[in-house]
Amino acid sequence: MHELSLASAVIDTAVRHADGRRVTAVHLRVGHLRQVVPASLLFYFEHVARGTPCEEARLTFDEVPARMRCEGCDHGWVLDDVQFRCPACGSAAVEVVAGEEFEVDWISVEQLEESCTA
């Protein structure tokens, strides 16, 4: 159910950056290690967006693969399973290089019509 709090944070961020304009689309970068359930995130996004400038906005996202790096031999790899050991040397001294992201990549907003000054 953490998707509810994630959806709320996304809405807050989009509304803050929309500067009073209606948001038509929000695009996220979501790391594989965040364990976000896409259907739940979409459901909660639509629910939380009601009555905000994000109502009826389209939510899309790219999944960022989990990438690791061994601190011992400097080998890098994409994490395909739950094995957090270096496949080159077997060391457990590894760090996550990518895959923990959860960020608003971009938003699309309606342009405000300019007033006629003539």
PDB file of N, CA and C in Angstrom:
ATOM      1  N   MET A   1       0.822  -1.200   0.000  1.00  0.00           N
ATOM      2  CA  MET A   1       0.000   0.000   0.000  1.00  0.00           C
ATOM      3  C   MET A   1       0.861   1.258   0.000  1.00  0.00           C
ATOM      4  N   HIS A   2       2.187   1.104  -0.089  1.00  0.00           N
ATOM      5  CA  HIS A   2       3.007   2.306  -0.132  1.00  0.00           C
ATOM      6  C   HIS A   2       2.783   3.090  -1.415  1.00  0.00           C
ATOM      7  N   GLU A   3       2.105   2.485  -2.392  1.00  0.00           N
ATOM      8  CA  GLU A   3       1.799   3.196  -3.633  1.00  0.00           C
ATOM      9  C   GLU A   3       0.902   4.412  -3.385  1.00  0.00           C
ATOM     10  N   LEU A   4       0.065   4.367  -2.341  1.00  0.00           N
ATOM     11  CA  LEU A   4      -0.775   5.517  -2.001  1.00  0.00           C
ATOM     12  C   LEU A   4       0.093   6.718  -1.619  1.00  0.00           C
ATOM     13  N   SER A   5       1.069   6.510  -0.752  1.00  0.00           N
ATOM     14  CA  SER A   5       1.938   7.625  -0.361  1.00  0.00           C
ATOM     15  C   SER A   5       2.822   8.069  -1.524  1.00  0.00           C
ATOM     16  N   LEU A   6       3.240   7.136  -2.372  1.00  0.00           N
ATOM     17  CA  LEU A   6       4.024   7.510  -3.556  1.00  0.00           C
ATOM     18  C   LEU A   6       3.191   8.352  -4.513  1.00  0.00           C
ATOM     19  N   ALA A   7       1.936   7.946  -4.735  1.00  0.00           N
ATOM     20  CA  ALA A   7       1.051   8.708  -5.621  1.00  0.00           C
ATOM     21  C   ALA A   7       0.821  10.109  -5.064  1.00  0.00           C
ATOM     22  N   SER A   8       0.639  10.225  -3.768  1.00  0.00           N
ATOM     23  CA  SER A   8       0.444  11.541  -3.152  1.00  0.00           C
ATOM     24  C   SER A   8       1.674  12.422  -3.344  1.00  0.00           C
ATOM     25  N   ALA A   9       2.855  11.848  -3.185  1.00  0.00           N
ATOM     26  CA  ALA A   9       4.088  12.615  -3.373  1.00  0.00           C
ATOM     27  C   ALA A   9       4.244  13.065  -4.824  1.00  0.00           C
ATOM     28  N   VAL A  10       3.874  12.214  -5.766  1.00  0.00           N
ATOM     29  CA  VAL A  10       3.951  12.569  -7.187  1.00  0.00           C
ATOM     30  C   VAL A  10       3.003  13.717  -7.495  1.00  0.00           C
ATOM     31  N   ILE A  11       1.780  13.632  -6.980  1.00  0.00           N
ATOM     32  CA  ILE A  11       0.785  14.693  -7.200  1.00  0.00           C
ATOM     33  C   ILE A  11       1.304  16.004  -6.602  1.00  0.00           C
ATOM     34  N   ASP A  12       1.801  15.962  -5.377  1.00  0.00           N
ATOM     35  CA  ASP A  12       2.319  17.170  -4.727  1.00  0.00           C
ATOM     36  C   ASP A  12       3.433  17.804  -5.554  1.00  0.00           C
ATOM     37  N   THR A  13       4.343  16.992  -6.048  1.00  0.00           N
ATOM     38  CA  THR A  13       5.457  17.497  -6.853  1.00  0.00           C
ATOM     39  C   THR A  13       4.957  18.109  -8.156  1.00  0.00           C
ATOM     40  N   ALA A  14       4.068  17.411  -8.845  1.00  0.00           N
ATOM     41  CA  ALA A  14       3.553  17.914 -10.120  1.00  0.00           C
ATOM     42  C   ALA A  14       2.785  19.219  -9.940  1.00  0.00           C
ATOM     43  N   VAL A  15       1.944  19.285  -8.931  1.00  0.00           N
ATOM     44  CA  VAL A  15       1.146  20.496  -8.686  1.00  0.00           C
ATOM     45  C   VAL A  15       2.056  21.674  -8.353  1.00  0.00           C
ATOM     46  N   ARG A  16       3.066  21.425  -7.547  1.00  0.00           N
ATOM     47  CA  ARG A  16       4.008  22.483  -7.172  1.00  0.00           C
ATOM     48  C   ARG A  16       4.722  23.055  -8.402  1.00  0.00           C
ATOM     49  N   HIS A  17       5.096  22.200  -9.327  1.00  0.00           N
ATOM     50  CA  HIS A  17       5.826  22.648 -10.514  1.00  0.00           C
ATOM     51  C   HIS A  17       4.914  23.136 -11.636  1.00  0.00           C
ATOM     52  N   ALA A  18       3.634  22.816 -11.570  1.00  0.00           N
ATOM     53  CA  ALA A  18       2.694  23.235 -12.617  1.00  0.00           C
ATOM     54  C   ALA A  18       2.358  24.714 -12.512  1.00  0.00           C
ATOM     55  N   ASP A  19       2.581  25.301 -11.363  1.00  0.00           N
ATOM     56  CA  ASP A  19       2.382  26.739 -11.174  1.00  0.00           C
ATOM     57  C   ASP A  19       0.971  27.193 -11.579  1.00  0.00           C
ATOM     58  N   GLY A  20      -0.022  26.462 -11.083  1.00  0.00           N
ATOM     59  CA  GLY A  20      -1.409  26.853 -11.325  1.00  0.00           C
ATOM     60  C   GLY A  20      -2.017  26.332 -12.626  1.00  0.00           C
ATOM     61  N   ARG A  21      -1.227  25.693 -13.453  1.00  0.00           N
ATOM     62  CA  ARG A  21      -1.744  25.157 -14.723  1.00  0.00           C
ATOM     63  C   ARG A  21      -2.218  23.721 -14.537  1.00  0.00           C
ATOM     64  N   ARG A  22      -3.103  23.280 -15.423  1.00  0.00           N
ATOM     65  CA  ARG A  22      -3.599  21.898 -15.383  1.00  0.00           C
ATOM     66  C   ARG A  22      -2.517  20.965 -15.898  1.00  0.00           C
ATOM     67  N   VAL A  23      -2.266  19.891 -15.161  1.00  0.00           N
ATOM     68  CA  VAL A  23      -1.282  18.884 -15.550  1.00  0.00           C
ATOM     69  C   VAL A  23      -1.962  17.864 -16.454  1.00  0.00           C
ATOM     70  N   THR A  24      -1.373  17.607 -17.626  1.00  0.00           N
ATOM     71  CA  THR A  24      -1.955  16.644 -18.556  1.00  0.00           C
ATOM     72  C   THR A  24      -1.218  15.308 -18.554  1.00  0.00           C
ATOM     73  N   ALA A  25       0.043  15.316 -18.130  1.00  0.00           N
ATOM     74  CA  ALA A  25       0.814  14.067 -18.092  1.00  0.00           C
ATOM     75  C   ALA A  25       1.941  14.180 -17.073  1.00  0.00           C
ATOM     76  N   VAL A  26       2.243  13.051 -16.450  1.00  0.00           N
ATOM     77  CA  VAL A  26       3.353  12.952 -15.516  1.00  0.00           C
ATOM     78  C   VAL A  26       4.133  11.696 -15.889  1.00  0.00           C
ATOM     79  N   HIS A  27       5.455  11.840 -16.006  1.00  0.00           N
ATOM     80  CA  HIS A  27       6.299  10.690 -16.338  1.00  0.00           C
ATOM     81  C   HIS A  27       7.309  10.472 -15.214  1.00  0.00           C
ATOM     82  N   LEU A  28       7.411   9.223 -14.764  1.00  0.00           N
ATOM     83  CA  LEU A  28       8.284   8.855 -13.652  1.00  0.00           C
ATOM     84  C   LEU A  28       9.420   7.949 -14.109  1.00  0.00           C
ATOM     85  N   ARG A  29      10.481   7.949 -13.334  1.00  0.00           N
ATOM     86  CA  ARG A  29      11.551   6.952 -13.430  1.00  0.00           C
ATOM     87  C   ARG A  29      11.478   6.161 -12.136  1.00  0.00           C
ATOM     88  N   VAL A  30      11.219   4.853 -12.251  1.00  0.00           N
ATOM     89  CA  VAL A  30      11.021   4.007 -11.077  1.00  0.00           C
ATOM     90  C   VAL A  30      12.042   2.874 -11.098  1.00  0.00           C
ATOM     91  N   GLY A  31      12.884   2.833 -10.073  1.00  0.00           N
ATOM     92  CA  GLY A  31      13.889   1.789  -9.968  1.00  0.00           C
ATOM     93  C   GLY A  31      13.274   0.439  -9.650  1.00  0.00           C
ATOM     94  N   HIS A  32      13.873  -0.590 -10.224  1.00  0.00           N
ATOM     95  CA  HIS A  32      13.395  -1.967 -10.032  1.00  0.00           C
ATOM     96  C   HIS A  32      13.369  -2.362  -8.552  1.00  0.00           C
ATOM     97  N   LEU A  33      14.304  -1.855  -7.784  1.00  0.00           N
ATOM     98  CA  LEU A  33      14.377  -2.218  -6.364  1.00  0.00           C
ATOM     99  C   LEU A  33      13.329  -1.508  -5.514  1.00  0.00           C
ATOM    100  N   ARG A  34      12.604  -0.555  -6.054  1.00  0.00           N
ATOM    101  CA  ARG A  34      11.540   0.139  -5.317  1.00  0.00           C
ATOM    102  C   ARG A  34      10.317  -0.744  -5.119  1.00  0.00           C
ATOM    103  N   GLN A  35      10.203  -1.810  -5.878  1.00  0.00           N
ATOM    104  CA  GLN A  35       9.103  -2.762  -5.766  1.00  0.00           C
ATOM    105  C   GLN A  35       7.736  -2.089  -5.838  1.00  0.00           C
ATOM    106  N   VAL A  36       7.577  -1.228  -6.828  1.00  0.00           N
ATOM    107  CA  VAL A  36       6.309  -0.543  -7.045  1.00  0.00           C
ATOM    108  C   VAL A  36       5.434  -1.427  -7.940  1.00  0.00           C
ATOM    109  N   VAL A  37       4.187  -1.611  -7.547  1.00  0.00           N
ATOM    110  CA  VAL A  37       3.227  -2.361  -8.349  1.00  0.00           C
ATOM    111  C   VAL A  37       2.544  -1.353  -9.279  1.00  0.00           C
ATOM    112  N   PRO A  38       2.833  -1.430 -10.596  1.00  0.00           N
ATOM    113  CA  PRO A  38       2.317  -0.420 -11.527  1.00  0.00           C
ATOM    114  C   PRO A  38       0.804  -0.219 -11.466  1.00  0.00           C
ATOM    115  N   ALA A  39       0.030  -1.294 -11.419  1.00  0.00           N
ATOM    116  CA  ALA A  39      -1.431  -1.160 -11.394  1.00  0.00           C
ATOM    117  C   ALA A  39      -1.891  -0.429 -10.131  1.00  0.00           C
ATOM    118  N   SER A  40      -1.261  -0.703  -8.999  1.00  0.00           N
ATOM    119  CA  SER A  40      -1.622  -0.021  -7.752  1.00  0.00           C
ATOM    120  C   SER A  40      -1.258   1.453  -7.812  1.00  0.00           C
ATOM    121  N   LEU A  41      -0.087   1.764  -8.356  1.00  0.00           N
ATOM    122  CA  LEU A  41       0.325   3.152  -8.465  1.00  0.00           C
ATOM    123  C   LEU A  41      -0.636   3.931  -9.362  1.00  0.00           C
ATOM    124  N   LEU A  42      -1.025   3.334 -10.490  1.00  0.00           N
ATOM    125  CA  LEU A  42      -1.976   4.004 -11.389  1.00  0.00           C
ATOM    126  C   LEU A  42      -3.321   4.220 -10.703  1.00  0.00           C
ATOM    127  N   PHE A  43      -3.796   3.207  -9.985  1.00  0.00           N
ATOM    128  CA  PHE A  43      -5.072   3.324  -9.265  1.00  0.00           C
ATOM    129  C   PHE A  43      -5.028   4.469  -8.259  1.00  0.00           C
ATOM    130  N   TYR A  44      -4.006   4.479  -7.416  1.00  0.00           N
ATOM    131  CA  TYR A  44      -3.913   5.515  -6.384  1.00  0.00           C
ATOM    132  C   TYR A  44      -3.654   6.899  -6.973  1.00  0.00           C
ATOM    133  N   PHE A  45      -2.896   6.955  -8.065  1.00  0.00           N
ATOM    134  CA  PHE A  45      -2.665   8.240  -8.724  1.00  0.00           C
ATOM    135  C   PHE A  45      -4.000   8.843  -9.168  1.00  0.00           C
ATOM    136  N   GLU A  46      -4.836   8.048  -9.826  1.00  0.00           N
ATOM    137  CA  GLU A  46      -6.145   8.540 -10.270  1.00  0.00           C
ATOM    138  C   GLU A  46      -7.004   8.959  -9.087  1.00  0.00           C
ATOM    139  N   HIS A  47      -6.955   8.196  -8.016  1.00  0.00           N
ATOM    140  CA  HIS A  47      -7.757   8.488  -6.819  1.00  0.00           C
ATOM    141  C   HIS A  47      -7.295   9.795  -6.158  1.00  0.00           C
ATOM    142  N   VAL A  48      -6.000   9.930  -5.937  1.00  0.00           N
ATOM    143  CA  VAL A  48      -5.466  11.105  -5.249  1.00  0.00           C
ATOM    144  C   VAL A  48      -5.563  12.357  -6.121  1.00  0.00           C
ATOM    145  N   ALA A  49      -5.526  12.178  -7.437  1.00  0.00           N
ATOM    146  CA  ALA A  49      -5.547  13.321  -8.361  1.00  0.00           C
ATOM    147  C   ALA A  49      -6.912  14.006  -8.432  1.00  0.00           C
ATOM    148  N   ARG A  50      -7.961  13.346  -7.991  1.00  0.00           N
ATOM    149  CA  ARG A  50      -9.307  13.947  -8.064  1.00  0.00           C
ATOM    150  C   ARG A  50      -9.339  15.280  -7.344  1.00  0.00           C
ATOM    151  N   GLY A  51      -9.860  16.291  -8.054  1.00  0.00           N
ATOM    152  CA  GLY A  51      -9.999  17.614  -7.471  1.00  0.00           C
ATOM    153  C   GLY A  51      -8.716  18.422  -7.452  1.00  0.00           C
ATOM    154  N   THR A  52      -7.663  17.925  -8.096  1.00  0.00           N
ATOM    155  CA  THR A  52      -6.388  18.654  -8.167  1.00  0.00           C
ATOM    156  C   THR A  52      -6.109  19.005  -9.630  1.00  0.00           C
ATOM    157  N   PRO A  53      -5.100  19.819  -9.889  1.00  0.00           N
ATOM    158  CA  PRO A  53      -4.725  20.105 -11.282  1.00  0.00           C
ATOM    159  C   PRO A  53      -4.246  18.863 -12.045  1.00  0.00           C
ATOM    160  N   CYS A  54      -4.027  17.750 -11.342  1.00  0.00           N
ATOM    161  CA  CYS A  54      -3.588  16.506 -11.988  1.00  0.00           C
ATOM    162  C   CYS A  54      -4.753  15.589 -12.378  1.00  0.00           C
ATOM    163  N   GLU A  55      -5.985  16.023 -12.072  1.00  0.00           N
ATOM    164  CA  GLU A  55      -7.130  15.178 -12.420  1.00  0.00           C
ATOM    165  C   GLU A  55      -7.138  14.920 -13.920  1.00  0.00           C
ATOM    166  N   GLU A  56      -7.303  13.666 -14.285  1.00  0.00           N
ATOM    167  CA  GLU A  56      -7.309  13.187 -15.671  1.00  0.00           C
ATOM    168  C   GLU A  56      -5.937  13.241 -16.343  1.00  0.00           C
ATOM    169  N   ALA A  57      -4.880  13.502 -15.596  1.00  0.00           N
ATOM    170  CA  ALA A  57      -3.532  13.458 -16.164  1.00  0.00           C
ATOM    171  C   ALA A  57      -3.152  12.003 -16.434  1.00  0.00           C
ATOM    172  N   ARG A  58      -2.349  11.807 -17.455  1.00  0.00           N
ATOM    173  CA  ARG A  58      -1.855  10.478 -17.814  1.00  0.00           C
ATOM    174  C   ARG A  58      -0.557  10.239 -17.041  1.00  0.00           C
ATOM    175  N   LEU A  59      -0.455   9.080 -16.386  1.00  0.00           N
ATOM    176  CA  LEU A  59       0.746   8.715 -15.647  1.00  0.00           C
ATOM    177  C   LEU A  59       1.480   7.622 -16.411  1.00  0.00           C
ATOM    178  N   THR A  60       2.749   7.890 -16.736  1.00  0.00           N
ATOM    179  CA  THR A  60       3.584   6.892 -17.401  1.00  0.00           C
ATOM    180  C   THR A  60       4.901   6.783 -16.629  1.00  0.00           C
ATOM    181  N   PHE A  61       5.613   5.700 -16.848  1.00  0.00           N
ATOM    182  CA  PHE A  61       6.903   5.575 -16.185  1.00  0.00           C
ATOM    183  C   PHE A  61       7.804   4.583 -16.904  1.00  0.00           C
ATOM    184  N   ASP A  62       9.097   4.786 -16.697  1.00  0.00           N
ATOM    185  CA  ASP A  62      10.120   3.859 -17.166  1.00  0.00           C
ATOM    186  C   ASP A  62      10.696   3.168 -15.951  1.00  0.00           C
ATOM    187  N   GLU A  63      10.925   1.860 -16.076  1.00  0.00           N
ATOM    188  CA  GLU A  63      11.568   1.129 -14.993  1.00  0.00           C
ATOM    189  C   GLU A  63      13.077   1.182 -15.201  1.00  0.00           C
ATOM    190  N   VAL A  64      13.789   1.544 -14.157  1.00  0.00           N
ATOM    191  CA  VAL A  64      15.244   1.597 -14.183  1.00  0.00           C
ATOM    192  C   VAL A  64      15.765   0.264 -13.636  1.00  0.00           C
ATOM    193  N   PRO A  65      16.523  -0.479 -14.460  1.00  0.00           N
ATOM    194  CA  PRO A  65      17.041  -1.768 -13.970  1.00  0.00           C
ATOM    195  C   PRO A  65      17.986  -1.576 -12.785  1.00  0.00           C
ATOM    196  N   ALA A  66      18.052  -2.584 -11.932  1.00  0.00           N
ATOM    197  CA  ALA A  66      18.979  -2.554 -10.803  1.00  0.00           C
ATOM    198  C   ALA A  66      20.380  -2.893 -11.321  1.00  0.00           C
ATOM    199  N   ARG A  67      21.299  -1.971 -11.103  1.00  0.00           N
ATOM    200  CA  ARG A  67      22.694  -2.193 -11.488  1.00  0.00           C
ATOM    201  C   ARG A  67      23.557  -2.179 -10.234  1.00  0.00           C
ATOM    202  N   MET A  68      24.501  -3.085 -10.200  1.00  0.00           N
ATOM    203  CA  MET A  68      25.365  -3.261  -9.040  1.00  0.00           C
ATOM    204  C   MET A  68      26.822  -3.064  -9.451  1.00  0.00           C
ATOM    205  N   ARG A  69      27.675  -2.829  -8.419  1.00  0.00           N
ATOM    206  CA  ARG A  69      29.117  -2.735  -8.632  1.00  0.00           C
ATOM    207  C   ARG A  69      29.822  -3.366  -7.445  1.00  0.00           C
ATOM    208  N   CYS A  70      30.802  -4.183  -7.763  1.00  0.00           N
ATOM    209  CA  CYS A  70      31.592  -4.825  -6.713  1.00  0.00           C
ATOM    210  C   CYS A  70      32.651  -3.844  -6.226  1.00  0.00           C
ATOM    211  N   GLU A  71      32.726  -3.683  -4.911  1.00  0.00           N
ATOM    212  CA  GLU A  71      33.721  -2.784  -4.333  1.00  0.00           C
ATOM    213  C   GLU A  71      35.117  -3.401  -4.360  1.00  0.00           C
ATOM    214  N   GLY A  72      35.195  -4.734  -4.461  1.00  0.00           N
ATOM    215  CA  GLY A  72      36.484  -5.415  -4.463  1.00  0.00           C
ATOM    216  C   GLY A  72      37.151  -5.434  -5.835  1.00  0.00           C
ATOM    217  N   CYS A  73      36.422  -5.884  -6.859  1.00  0.00           N
ATOM    218  CA  CYS A  73      37.032  -6.038  -8.193  1.00  0.00           C
ATOM    219  C   CYS A  73      36.512  -5.026  -9.204  1.00  0.00           C
ATOM    220  N   ASP A  74      35.581  -4.154  -8.789  1.00  0.00           N
ATOM    221  CA  ASP A  74      35.009  -3.094  -9.640  1.00  0.00           C
ATOM    222  C   ASP A  74      34.153  -3.624 -10.794  1.00  0.00           C
ATOM    223  N   HIS A  75      33.768  -4.881 -10.727  1.00  0.00           N
ATOM    224  CA  HIS A  75      32.893  -5.458 -11.766  1.00  0.00           C
ATOM    225  C   HIS A  75      31.487  -4.866 -11.618  1.00  0.00           C
ATOM    226  N   GLY A  76      30.839  -4.522 -12.730  1.00  0.00           N
ATOM    227  CA  GLY A  76      29.473  -4.014 -12.711  1.00  0.00           C
ATOM    228  C   GLY A  76      28.544  -4.966 -13.436  1.00  0.00           C
ATOM    229  N   TRP A  77      27.285  -5.033 -13.000  1.00  0.00           N
ATOM    230  CA  TRP A  77      26.317  -5.913 -13.642  1.00  0.00           C
ATOM    231  C   TRP A  77      24.898  -5.466 -13.335  1.00  0.00           C
ATOM    232  N   VAL A  78      23.978  -5.956 -14.176  1.00  0.00           N
ATOM    233  CA  VAL A  78      22.549  -5.727 -13.953  1.00  0.00           C
ATOM    234  C   VAL A  78      22.047  -6.871 -13.088  1.00  0.00           C
ATOM    235  N   LEU A  79      21.367  -6.523 -12.017  1.00  0.00           N
ATOM    236  CA  LEU A  79      20.855  -7.516 -11.073  1.00  0.00           C
ATOM    237  C   LEU A  79      19.623  -8.182 -11.663  1.00  0.00           C
ATOM    238  N   ASP A  80      19.734  -9.478 -11.971  1.00  0.00           N
ATOM    239  CA  ASP A  80      18.616 -10.216 -12.560  1.00  0.00           C
ATOM    240  C   ASP A  80      17.841 -11.027 -11.527  1.00  0.00           C
ATOM    241  N   ASP A  81      18.499 -11.399 -10.451  1.00  0.00           N
ATOM    242  CA  ASP A  81      17.823 -12.157  -9.404  1.00  0.00           C
ATOM    243  C   ASP A  81      18.182 -11.550  -8.056  1.00  0.00           C
ATOM    244  N   VAL A  82      17.894 -12.229  -7.001  1.00  0.00           N
ATOM    245  CA  VAL A  82      18.065 -11.672  -5.675  1.00  0.00           C
ATOM    246  C   VAL A  82      19.456 -11.977  -5.099  1.00  0.00           C
ATOM    247  N   GLN A  83      20.380 -12.391  -5.928  1.00  0.00           N
ATOM    248  CA  GLN A  83      21.742 -12.701  -5.487  1.00  0.00           C
ATOM    249  C   GLN A  83      22.569 -11.423  -5.443  1.00  0.00           C
ATOM    250  N   PHE A  84      22.909 -10.963  -4.249  1.00  0.00           N
ATOM    251  CA  PHE A  84      23.662  -9.727  -4.079  1.00  0.00           C
ATOM    252  C   PHE A  84      25.151 -10.010  -3.869  1.00  0.00           C
ATOM    253  N   ARG A  85      25.694 -10.931  -4.645  1.00  0.00           N
ATOM    254  CA  ARG A  85      27.131 -11.219  -4.627  1.00  0.00           C
ATOM    255  C   ARG A  85      27.685 -10.973  -6.018  1.00  0.00           C
ATOM    256  N   CYS A  86      28.926 -10.547  -6.064  1.00  0.00           N
ATOM    257  CA  CYS A  86      29.579 -10.273  -7.341  1.00  0.00           C
ATOM    258  C   CYS A  86      29.696 -11.573  -8.149  1.00  0.00           C
ATOM    259  N   PRO A  87      29.191 -11.581  -9.374  1.00  0.00           N
ATOM    260  CA  PRO A  87      29.306 -12.799 -10.189  1.00  0.00           C
ATOM    261  C   PRO A  87      30.740 -13.055 -10.668  1.00  0.00           C
ATOM    262  N   ALA A  88      31.608 -12.056 -10.590  1.00  0.00           N
ATOM    263  CA  ALA A  88      32.984 -12.222 -11.044  1.00  0.00           C
ATOM    264  C   ALA A  88      33.886 -12.808  -9.956  1.00  0.00           C
ATOM    265  N   CYS A  89      33.755 -12.274  -8.713  1.00  0.00           N
ATOM    266  CA  CYS A  89      34.677 -12.722  -7.651  1.00  0.00           C
ATOM    267  C   CYS A  89      33.970 -13.319  -6.439  1.00  0.00           C
ATOM    268  N   GLY A  90      32.647 -13.218  -6.367  1.00  0.00           N
ATOM    269  CA  GLY A  90      31.889 -13.794  -5.261  1.00  0.00           C
ATOM    270  C   GLY A  90      31.798 -12.919  -4.021  1.00  0.00           C
ATOM    271  N   SER A  91      32.371 -11.716  -4.070  1.00  0.00           N
ATOM    272  CA  SER A  91      32.360 -10.828  -2.917  1.00  0.00           C
ATOM    273  C   SER A  91      30.944 -10.341  -2.601  1.00  0.00           C
ATOM    274  N   ALA A  92      30.684 -10.170  -1.301  1.00  0.00           N
ATOM    275  CA  ALA A  92      29.403  -9.600  -0.870  1.00  0.00           C
ATOM    276  C   ALA A  92      29.520  -8.097  -0.663  1.00  0.00           C
ATOM    277  N   ALA A  93      30.715  -7.545  -0.858  1.00  0.00           N
ATOM    278  CA  ALA A  93      30.930  -6.098  -0.714  1.00  0.00           C
ATOM    279  C   ALA A  93      30.554  -5.418  -2.025  1.00  0.00           C
ATOM    280  N   VAL A  94      29.256  -5.226  -2.200  1.00  0.00           N
ATOM    281  CA  VAL A  94      28.740  -4.640  -3.439  1.00  0.00           C
ATOM    282  C   VAL A  94      27.894  -3.419  -3.110  1.00  0.00           C
ATOM    283  N   GLU A  95      27.725  -2.551  -4.100  1.00  0.00           N
ATOM    284  CA  GLU A  95      26.882  -1.372  -3.907  1.00  0.00           C
ATOM    285  C   GLU A  95      25.870  -1.282  -5.042  1.00  0.00           C
ATOM    286  N   VAL A  96      24.734  -0.701  -4.727  1.00  0.00           N
ATOM    287  CA  VAL A  96      23.704  -0.454  -5.729  1.00  0.00           C
ATOM    288  C   VAL A  96      24.083   0.830  -6.468  1.00  0.00           C
ATOM    289  N   VAL A  97      24.207   0.729  -7.798  1.00  0.00           N
ATOM    290  CA  VAL A  97      24.555   1.880  -8.626  1.00  0.00           C
ATOM    291  C   VAL A  97      23.289   2.526  -9.192  1.00  0.00           C
ATOM    292  N   ALA A  98      22.299   1.717  -9.499  1.00  0.00           N
ATOM    293  CA  ALA A  98      21.025   2.216 -10.028  1.00  0.00           C
ATOM    294  C   ALA A  98      19.935   1.214  -9.666  1.00  0.00           C
ATOM    295  N   GLY A  99      18.695   1.701  -9.647  1.00  0.00           N
ATOM    296  CA  GLY A  99      17.563   0.829  -9.387  1.00  0.00           C
ATOM    297  C   GLY A  99      16.758   1.201  -8.160  1.00  0.00           C
ATOM    298  N   GLU A 100      17.201   2.238  -7.434  1.00  0.00           N
ATOM    299  CA  GLU A 100      16.454   2.691  -6.266  1.00  0.00           C
ATOM    300  C   GLU A 100      15.708   3.992  -6.534  1.00  0.00           C
ATOM    301  N   GLU A 101      15.725   4.457  -7.769  1.00  0.00           N
ATOM    302  CA  GLU A 101      15.104   5.734  -8.108  1.00  0.00           C
ATOM    303  C   GLU A 101      13.582   5.698  -7.965  1.00  0.00           C
ATOM    304  N   PHE A 102      13.050   6.810  -7.584  1.00  0.00           N
ATOM    305  CA  PHE A 102      11.613   7.089  -7.701  1.00  0.00           C
ATOM    306  C   PHE A 102      11.531   8.595  -7.859  1.00  0.00           C
ATOM    307  N   GLU A 103      11.429   9.041  -9.106  1.00  0.00           N
ATOM    308  CA  GLU A 103      11.485  10.470  -9.362  1.00  0.00           C
ATOM    309  C   GLU A 103      10.567  10.874 -10.500  1.00  0.00           C
ATOM    310  N   VAL A 104      10.049  12.081 -10.379  1.00  0.00           N
ATOM    311  CA  VAL A 104       9.272  12.659 -11.469  1.00  0.00           C
ATOM    312  C   VAL A 104      10.282  13.111 -12.509  1.00  0.00           C
ATOM    313  N   ASP A 105      10.211  12.522 -13.693  1.00  0.00           N
ATOM    314  CA  ASP A 105      11.147  12.841 -14.771  1.00  0.00           C
ATOM    315  C   ASP A 105      10.706  14.116 -15.490  1.00  0.00           C
ATOM    316  N   TRP A 106       9.409  14.189 -15.824  1.00  0.00           N
ATOM    317  CA  TRP A 106       8.862  15.387 -16.449  1.00  0.00           C
ATOM    318  C   TRP A 106       7.353  15.428 -16.265  1.00  0.00           C
ATOM    319  N   ILE A 107       6.806  16.647 -16.412  1.00  0.00           N
ATOM    320  CA  ILE A 107       5.356  16.828 -16.418  1.00  0.00           C
ATOM    321  C   ILE A 107       4.986  17.632 -17.656  1.00  0.00           C
ATOM    322  N   SER A 108       3.777  17.438 -18.112  1.00  0.00           N
ATOM    323  CA  SER A 108       3.245  18.216 -19.225  1.00  0.00           C
ATOM    324  C   SER A 108       2.050  18.996 -18.682  1.00  0.00           C
ATOM    325  N   VAL A 109       2.011  20.289 -19.001  1.00  0.00           N
ATOM    326  CA  VAL A 109       0.941  21.148 -18.489  1.00  0.00           C
ATOM    327  C   VAL A 109       0.296  21.898 -19.641  1.00  0.00           C
ATOM    328  N   GLU A 110      -0.945  22.319 -19.401  1.00  0.00           N
ATOM    329  CA  GLU A 110      -1.618  23.177 -20.379  1.00  0.00           C
ATOM    330  C   GLU A 110      -1.049  24.576 -20.261  1.00  0.00           C
ATOM    331  N   GLN A 111      -0.865  25.215 -21.385  1.00  0.00           N
ATOM    332  CA  GLN A 111      -0.375  26.588 -21.386  1.00  0.00           C
ATOM    333  C   GLN A 111      -1.518  27.527 -21.061  1.00  0.00           C
ATOM    334  N   LEU A 112      -1.243  28.524 -20.251  1.00  0.00           N
ATOM    335  CA  LEU A 112      -2.243  29.538 -19.945  1.00  0.00           C
ATOM    336  C   LEU A 112      -2.336  30.483 -21.137  1.00  0.00           C
ATOM    337  N   GLU A 113      -3.554  30.853 -21.466  1.00  0.00           N
ATOM    338  CA  GLU A 113      -3.729  31.802 -22.568  1.00  0.00           C
ATOM    339  C   GLU A 113      -3.333  33.190 -22.099  1.00  0.00           C
ATOM    340  N   GLU A 114      -2.588  33.861 -22.953  1.00  0.00           N
ATOM    341  CA  GLU A 114      -2.156  35.209 -22.601  1.00  0.00           C
ATOM    342  C   GLU A 114      -3.285  36.199 -22.865  1.00  0.00           C
ATOM    343  N   SER A 115      -3.359  37.205 -22.031  1.00  0.00           N
ATOM    344  CA  SER A 115      -4.383  38.242 -22.188  1.00  0.00           C
ATOM    345  C   SER A 115      -4.013  39.149 -23.348  1.00  0.00           C
ATOM    346  N   CYS A 116      -5.021  39.626 -24.008  1.00  0.00           N
ATOM    347  CA  CYS A 116      -4.815  40.576 -25.092  1.00  0.00           C
ATOM    348  C   CYS A 116      -4.570  41.958 -24.463  1.00  0.00           C
ATOM    349  N   THR A 117      -3.489  42.603 -24.827  1.00  0.00           N
ATOM    350  CA  THR A 117      -3.145  43.895 -24.252  1.00  0.00           C
ATOM    351  C   THR A 117      -3.446  45.046 -25.214  1.00  0.00           C
ATOM    352  N   ALA A 118      -4.034  44.730 -26.360  1.00  0.00           N
ATOM    353  CA  ALA A 118      -4.305  45.791 -27.361  1.00  0.00           C
ATOM    354  C   ALA A 118      -5.562  46.549 -27.031  1.00  0.00           C
TER     355      ALA A 118
END
